[in-house]
Amino acid sequence: MRRIAMAVTLACVCGCGSDTAGPSTGAELGSYSLVSLDGRAVPTSITDAGHQIEVLSGALVLSTGQKLRLTTTARPSPGATPVSNELTGSYSLKGNTFTFTYSNGGRNTGTLSGNTIQMLNEGVAWLFQKS
C-alpha cells in the first residue's frame, strides 16, 4: 500500500505537460525546496485518488547539462513511516517556462519567477523556492 501511495504522490509531480523546449540560461541552476502545496505550507496533506498523503518535504535540484533530481518525502497514511523517493531526468527552459522530463517517462511544466518555480500537476500547485 505504501508503494502505491508514493507512486500516486509522485504521479502528481510527474503528470502530463506541454512540449515546450528550448535552451537553458543557467540562471535557474541550483537547489529549490518545496515550500507549499496549493498555498499550504509543507508539511501538509493532499488527497489523491481518494487517499490522504502527507507530504513532509521535497527538493528540486537543477544541475549543469540540464539534469534534474526531484526528491520527496511523504507519509502514505497518518502515522506511517515516511518514505523518500527520487526521480531524475532533464529539463529545458524557454522564456520563464520549464519543461521537466523524467526518466520514468513522466513530463510536466513549471514557471520560473525570481527565486521560485511553480509546477501545476493534477490540479495541485507545487511551489519550490531557491535554497
Protein backbone atom coordinates (compact mmCIF):
# COMPACT_ATOMS: atom_id res chain seq x y z
CA MET A 1 0.00 0.00 0.00
CA ARG A 2 2.86 2.41 0.82
CA ARG A 3 4.47 1.95 -2.57
CA ILE A 4 1.16 2.56 -4.31
CA ALA A 5 0.55 5.72 -2.28
CA MET A 6 4.04 7.04 -3.00
CA ALA A 7 3.63 6.25 -6.68
CA VAL A 8 0.41 8.25 -6.59
CA THR A 9 2.23 11.15 -4.88
CA LEU A 10 4.94 11.14 -7.49
CA ALA A 11 2.37 10.89 -10.25
CA CYS A 12 1.13 14.28 -9.07
CA VAL A 13 4.59 15.68 -9.64
CA CYS A 14 5.11 13.91 -12.96
CA GLY A 15 1.85 14.48 -14.73
CA CYS A 16 1.45 15.48 -18.32
CA GLY A 17 2.84 18.73 -19.63
CA SER A 18 3.43 20.63 -22.81
CA ASP A 19 6.05 20.06 -25.48
CA THR A 20 7.83 23.36 -24.78
CA ALA A 21 11.58 23.11 -25.25
CA GLY A 22 14.44 25.50 -25.55
CA PRO A 23 17.85 26.46 -24.31
CA SER A 24 18.64 26.82 -20.65
CA THR A 25 20.08 30.13 -19.48
CA GLY A 26 21.92 28.64 -16.50
CA ALA A 27 20.40 31.30 -14.20
CA GLU A 28 17.97 28.74 -12.82
CA LEU A 29 20.67 26.24 -11.73
CA GLY A 30 20.58 25.26 -8.08
CA SER A 31 18.51 23.67 -5.36
CA TYR A 32 14.88 24.53 -4.73
CA SER A 33 12.99 23.43 -1.60
CA LEU A 34 9.30 22.55 -1.69
CA VAL A 35 7.60 25.24 0.40
CA SER A 36 3.91 24.75 -0.30
CA LEU A 37 1.21 22.68 -1.98
CA ASP A 38 -1.84 24.66 -3.12
CA GLY A 39 -0.71 27.51 -0.90
CA ARG A 40 -0.46 25.35 2.24
CA ALA A 41 2.98 25.24 3.87
CA VAL A 42 4.81 21.91 3.78
CA PRO A 43 4.39 19.60 5.61
CA THR A 44 0.79 19.29 4.50
CA SER A 45 -1.62 16.66 3.26
CA ILE A 46 -3.05 16.17 -0.20
CA THR A 47 -5.76 13.83 -1.36
CA ASP A 48 -5.02 11.81 -4.45
CA ALA A 49 -7.26 9.07 -5.83
CA GLY A 50 -9.16 9.10 -2.53
CA HIS A 51 -6.01 8.58 -0.43
CA GLN A 52 -4.70 11.11 2.07
CA ILE A 53 -0.93 11.57 1.69
CA GLU A 54 1.15 13.76 3.99
CA VAL A 55 3.96 15.41 2.05
CA LEU A 56 6.73 16.17 4.53
CA SER A 57 9.38 17.70 2.27
CA GLY A 58 10.64 17.95 -1.27
CA ALA A 59 13.52 19.31 -3.27
CA LEU A 60 14.19 20.05 -6.92
CA VAL A 61 17.83 20.23 -7.99
CA LEU A 62 18.70 21.63 -11.41
CA SER A 63 22.28 20.97 -12.44
CA THR A 64 24.55 21.56 -15.41
CA GLY A 65 23.79 19.60 -18.52
CA GLN A 66 20.09 20.34 -17.99
CA LYS A 67 19.78 17.50 -15.47
CA LEU A 68 17.24 17.40 -12.67
CA ARG A 69 16.67 15.46 -9.48
CA LEU A 70 13.34 15.65 -7.68
CA THR A 71 13.06 14.15 -4.20
CA THR A 72 10.02 13.87 -1.97
CA THR A 73 9.45 12.50 1.50
CA ALA A 74 5.88 11.61 2.36
CA ARG A 75 3.75 9.50 4.64
CA PRO A 76 1.24 7.41 2.69
CA SER A 77 -1.12 7.34 5.67
CA PRO A 78 -1.30 9.04 9.08
CA GLY A 79 1.29 7.61 11.46
CA ALA A 80 3.04 5.58 8.75
CA THR A 81 6.79 5.57 8.36
CA PRO A 82 7.91 8.32 5.98
CA VAL A 83 9.09 7.15 2.57
CA SER A 84 11.54 9.05 0.39
CA ASN A 85 11.57 8.84 -3.38
CA GLU A 86 13.76 10.30 -6.07
CA LEU A 87 13.17 11.00 -9.73
CA THR A 88 15.84 12.04 -12.17
CA GLY A 89 15.57 13.44 -15.65
CA SER A 90 16.21 16.54 -17.69
CA TYR A 91 14.76 19.99 -18.13
CA SER A 92 14.62 22.76 -20.65
CA LEU A 93 13.73 26.41 -20.20
CA LYS A 94 12.12 28.67 -22.78
CA GLY A 95 11.39 32.16 -21.52
CA ASN A 96 10.21 31.51 -17.98
CA THR A 97 8.59 28.13 -18.75
CA PHE A 98 10.31 24.89 -17.80
CA THR A 99 9.63 21.51 -19.31
CA PHE A 100 10.63 18.69 -16.99
CA THR A 101 11.10 15.22 -18.48
CA TYR A 102 11.57 12.36 -16.02
CA SER A 103 13.44 9.11 -16.56
CA ASN A 104 10.21 7.19 -15.80
CA GLY A 105 8.54 8.79 -18.85
CA GLY A 106 6.62 11.47 -16.94
CA ARG A 107 6.61 15.07 -18.06
CA ASN A 108 5.29 18.36 -16.71
CA THR A 109 5.89 22.08 -16.88
CA GLY A 110 6.76 24.78 -14.40
CA THR A 111 7.11 28.53 -14.28
CA LEU A 112 10.21 30.35 -13.09
CA SER A 113 9.54 33.62 -11.26
CA GLY A 114 12.53 35.15 -9.47
CA ASN A 115 13.71 32.55 -6.97
CA THR A 116 10.64 30.33 -7.22
CA ILE A 117 9.41 27.57 -9.50
CA GLN A 118 5.76 26.59 -9.57
CA MET A 119 4.53 23.32 -11.05
CA LEU A 120 0.85 22.63 -11.57
CA ASN A 121 0.11 18.91 -11.57
CA GLU A 122 -3.23 17.18 -11.42
CA GLY A 123 -4.68 20.45 -10.14
CA VAL A 124 -2.15 20.78 -7.29
CA ALA A 125 0.25 23.75 -7.28
CA TRP A 126 3.74 22.75 -6.08
CA LEU A 127 5.83 25.80 -5.13
CA PHE A 128 9.61 25.50 -4.81
CA GLN A 129 11.89 28.27 -3.53
CA LYS A 130 15.62 28.52 -4.30
CA SER A 131 17.63 27.27 -1.31
